[in-house]
């Protein structure tokens, strides 16, 4: 049997290329995060572009329950990053304070680039790959985040987030990290 057609070898190469190599991070660069005020009703991208954005401290509460909040993520691909389009992946990793690895009834987000939605951010899709970037390039992304907690548990209903006007002191989700990742393999 040929080494190229050996099923076990083919499977190993696929795991290496699809699962392991994309996790190798050679360099990271932080993104600057700014946030607009939270809103109870959803807001369009066109309206969100006109909001006033203030610096946002990572680890802070995103918004009260049942609210949406817009963020701007800005960064710069360092000039010393040797980016080869055939062997390099540059991505943004977002941790919105997910609870578990299931979709729905927690925090959810939509990432926008150049005015267009590019990817939903959810527990199993926290990483957005930036297509066609070069060293020295500036990055600007908009992130629309909605806090939609599950209220089926009676102890949760008693908490402030059973009401959309609940207390801000009852923090549900926090924006923990936003980092550009440079993967080399």
Protein backbone atom coordinates (compact mmCIF):
# COMPACT_ATOMS: atom_id res chain seq x y z
CA UNK A 1 0.00 0.00 0.00
CA UNK A 2 1.30 3.44 -0.94
CA UNK A 3 2.20 5.89 1.83
CA UNK A 4 0.03 8.49 0.10
CA UNK A 5 -3.10 6.32 0.06
CA UNK A 6 -2.75 4.70 3.48
CA UNK A 7 -6.08 5.58 5.20
CA UNK A 8 -4.47 6.01 8.63
CA UNK A 9 -1.81 8.33 7.22
CA UNK A 10 -4.40 10.33 5.30
CA UNK A 11 -6.46 10.69 8.49
CA UNK A 12 -3.39 11.78 10.49
CA UNK A 13 -2.48 14.42 7.90
CA UNK A 14 -6.05 15.75 7.94
CA UNK A 15 -6.04 16.01 11.75
CA UNK A 16 -2.64 17.70 11.67
CA UNK A 17 -3.70 20.22 9.00
CA UNK A 18 -7.26 20.89 10.18
CA UNK A 19 -6.97 20.62 13.97
CA UNK A 20 -3.42 21.00 15.23
CA UNK A 21 -1.60 23.45 12.92
CA UNK A 22 -4.33 26.11 13.08
CA UNK A 23 -3.86 26.21 16.87
CA UNK A 24 -0.16 27.10 16.73
CA UNK A 25 0.19 30.76 17.63
CA UNK A 26 3.51 32.43 16.87
CA UNK A 27 2.60 36.03 17.79
CA UNK A 28 -0.31 38.00 19.22
CA UNK A 29 -1.30 41.65 19.18
CA UNK A 30 -4.04 43.18 21.27
CA UNK A 31 -6.95 45.01 19.71
CA UNK A 32 -8.24 48.36 20.91
CA UNK A 33 -11.86 47.92 22.02
CA UNK A 34 -14.46 50.70 22.12
CA UNK A 35 -18.15 50.36 22.97
CA UNK A 36 -21.35 52.32 22.43
CA UNK A 37 -24.12 52.47 25.01
CA UNK A 38 -26.32 49.37 25.23
CA UNK A 39 -29.82 49.34 23.74
CA UNK A 40 -32.90 47.26 24.49
CA UNK A 41 -33.96 47.09 20.85
CA UNK A 42 -31.68 45.87 18.02
CA UNK A 43 -29.91 48.61 16.06
CA UNK A 44 -28.88 48.48 12.40
CA UNK A 45 -25.26 48.70 11.31
CA UNK A 46 -25.95 52.03 9.59
CA UNK A 47 -27.22 53.50 12.89
CA UNK A 48 -24.44 51.87 14.91
CA UNK A 49 -21.78 53.56 12.76
CA UNK A 50 -23.06 56.92 13.99
CA UNK A 51 -22.88 56.05 17.71
CA UNK A 52 -20.36 57.59 20.07
CA UNK A 53 -17.85 54.91 21.12
CA UNK A 54 -15.86 55.07 24.34
CA UNK A 55 -12.85 52.92 25.34
CA UNK A 56 -13.97 49.58 26.81
CA UNK A 57 -12.04 47.73 29.53
CA UNK A 58 -11.74 44.02 28.82
CA UNK A 59 -13.42 41.96 31.53
CA UNK A 60 -16.19 44.53 31.99
CA UNK A 61 -19.87 43.62 31.73
CA UNK A 62 -21.15 43.64 28.16
CA UNK A 63 -24.74 44.77 28.76
CA UNK A 64 -27.81 44.04 30.90
CA UNK A 65 -29.93 41.04 29.91
CA UNK A 66 -31.93 41.29 26.70
CA UNK A 67 -29.86 44.21 25.43
CA UNK A 68 -27.55 44.69 22.48
CA UNK A 69 -24.30 46.62 22.41
CA UNK A 70 -22.02 47.58 19.56
CA UNK A 71 -18.25 47.44 19.77
CA UNK A 72 -15.47 48.61 17.47
CA UNK A 73 -12.32 46.47 17.42
CA UNK A 74 -9.26 48.17 15.98
CA UNK A 75 -5.80 46.80 15.53
CA UNK A 76 -2.66 46.85 13.48
CA UNK A 77 -0.87 43.88 11.96
CA UNK A 78 2.72 44.46 13.11
CA UNK A 79 5.21 45.13 10.33
CA UNK A 80 7.61 42.56 11.75
CA UNK A 81 5.12 39.74 11.14
CA UNK A 82 6.34 37.83 8.10
CA UNK A 83 3.02 36.95 6.47
CA UNK A 84 3.02 34.41 3.67
CA UNK A 85 -0.51 33.86 2.30
CA UNK A 86 0.20 30.17 1.67
CA UNK A 87 1.44 29.32 5.17
CA UNK A 88 0.07 31.99 7.49
CA UNK A 89 -3.34 32.55 9.02
CA UNK A 90 -4.14 35.77 10.84
CA UNK A 91 -7.27 35.61 12.94
CA UNK A 92 -9.18 37.43 15.66
CA UNK A 93 -10.14 35.45 18.76
CA UNK A 94 -13.19 36.65 20.69
CA UNK A 95 -14.28 35.42 24.12
CA UNK A 96 -17.67 36.86 25.04
CA UNK A 97 -17.91 35.01 28.35
CA UNK A 98 -19.69 31.98 26.96
CA UNK A 99 -21.10 29.51 29.45
CA UNK A 100 -20.60 26.02 28.06
CA UNK A 101 -20.22 25.04 24.43
CA UNK A 102 -23.85 25.24 23.32
CA UNK A 103 -25.48 27.83 21.09
CA UNK A 104 -28.37 30.02 22.13
CA UNK A 105 -29.69 31.46 25.36
CA UNK A 106 -26.49 33.14 26.44
CA UNK A 107 -24.48 35.75 24.60
CA UNK A 108 -24.36 35.91 20.80
CA UNK A 109 -22.71 38.25 18.36
CA UNK A 110 -22.32 39.19 14.71
CA UNK A 111 -18.98 40.42 13.41
CA UNK A 112 -18.90 43.03 10.61
CA UNK A 113 -16.02 43.90 8.32
CA UNK A 114 -16.17 46.67 5.73
CA UNK A 115 -19.85 47.18 6.56
CA UNK A 116 -20.90 43.59 5.93
CA UNK A 117 -21.70 40.78 8.37
CA UNK A 118 -18.92 38.20 8.07
CA UNK A 119 -19.42 35.69 10.89
CA UNK A 120 -21.59 34.83 13.84
CA UNK A 121 -19.57 34.58 17.04
CA UNK A 122 -20.73 31.71 19.23
CA UNK A 123 -19.16 29.15 21.60
CA UNK A 124 -17.86 26.93 18.80
CA UNK A 125 -16.95 29.83 16.47
CA UNK A 126 -14.88 32.25 18.54
CA UNK A 127 -12.23 32.80 15.92
CA UNK A 128 -12.58 34.88 12.75
CA UNK A 129 -9.94 34.37 10.07
CA UNK A 130 -8.93 37.63 8.41
CA UNK A 131 -8.72 36.98 4.68
CA UNK A 132 -5.89 38.59 2.71
CA UNK A 133 -4.02 40.70 5.24
CA UNK A 134 -0.54 42.14 5.03
CA UNK A 135 2.05 43.23 7.56
CA UNK A 136 1.44 46.84 8.61
CA UNK A 137 -2.28 46.72 7.74
CA UNK A 138 -4.86 48.38 9.99
CA UNK A 139 -7.90 46.33 10.98
CA UNK A 140 -11.33 47.68 11.96
CA UNK A 141 -14.22 45.38 12.84
CA UNK A 142 -17.65 46.09 14.29
CA UNK A 143 -19.20 43.61 16.72
CA UNK A 144 -22.90 43.54 17.60
CA UNK A 145 -23.43 41.62 20.85
CA UNK A 146 -26.76 40.51 22.30
CA UNK A 147 -27.21 39.15 25.83
CA UNK A 148 -30.01 36.58 25.75
CA UNK A 149 -29.93 34.47 28.92
CA UNK A 150 -31.85 31.26 29.52
CA UNK A 151 -34.64 31.69 32.07
CA UNK A 152 -35.90 28.13 32.44
CA UNK A 153 -34.19 27.63 35.79
CA UNK A 154 -36.32 29.03 38.65
CA UNK A 155 -33.25 30.44 40.40
CA UNK A 156 -32.41 32.40 37.27
CA UNK A 157 -35.93 33.78 37.00
CA UNK A 158 -35.55 35.21 40.50
CA UNK A 159 -32.40 36.99 39.38
CA UNK A 160 -32.45 40.39 37.75
CA UNK A 161 -32.10 39.13 34.19
CA UNK A 162 -35.60 37.67 34.11
CA UNK A 163 -36.59 41.26 33.38
CA UNK A 164 -35.11 43.23 30.50
CA UNK A 165 -34.87 46.21 32.84
CA UNK A 166 -32.93 44.26 35.46
CA UNK A 167 -30.16 45.70 37.55
CA UNK A 168 -26.84 46.31 35.84
CA UNK A 169 -25.15 44.91 38.95
CA UNK A 170 -26.25 41.41 37.92
CA UNK A 171 -23.46 40.75 35.42
CA UNK A 172 -24.12 37.93 32.98
CA UNK A 173 -21.45 38.11 30.30
CA UNK A 174 -18.08 39.82 30.08
CA UNK A 175 -15.95 40.58 27.06
CA UNK A 176 -12.75 38.85 28.13
CA UNK A 177 -10.32 38.82 25.26
CA UNK A 178 -9.85 40.09 21.78
CA UNK A 179 -6.52 39.21 20.28
CA UNK A 180 -5.18 39.00 16.77
CA UNK A 181 -3.52 35.65 16.35
CA UNK A 182 -0.72 34.88 13.96
CA UNK A 183 -0.48 31.22 13.09
CA UNK A 184 2.53 29.83 11.31
CA UNK A 185 2.94 26.26 10.17
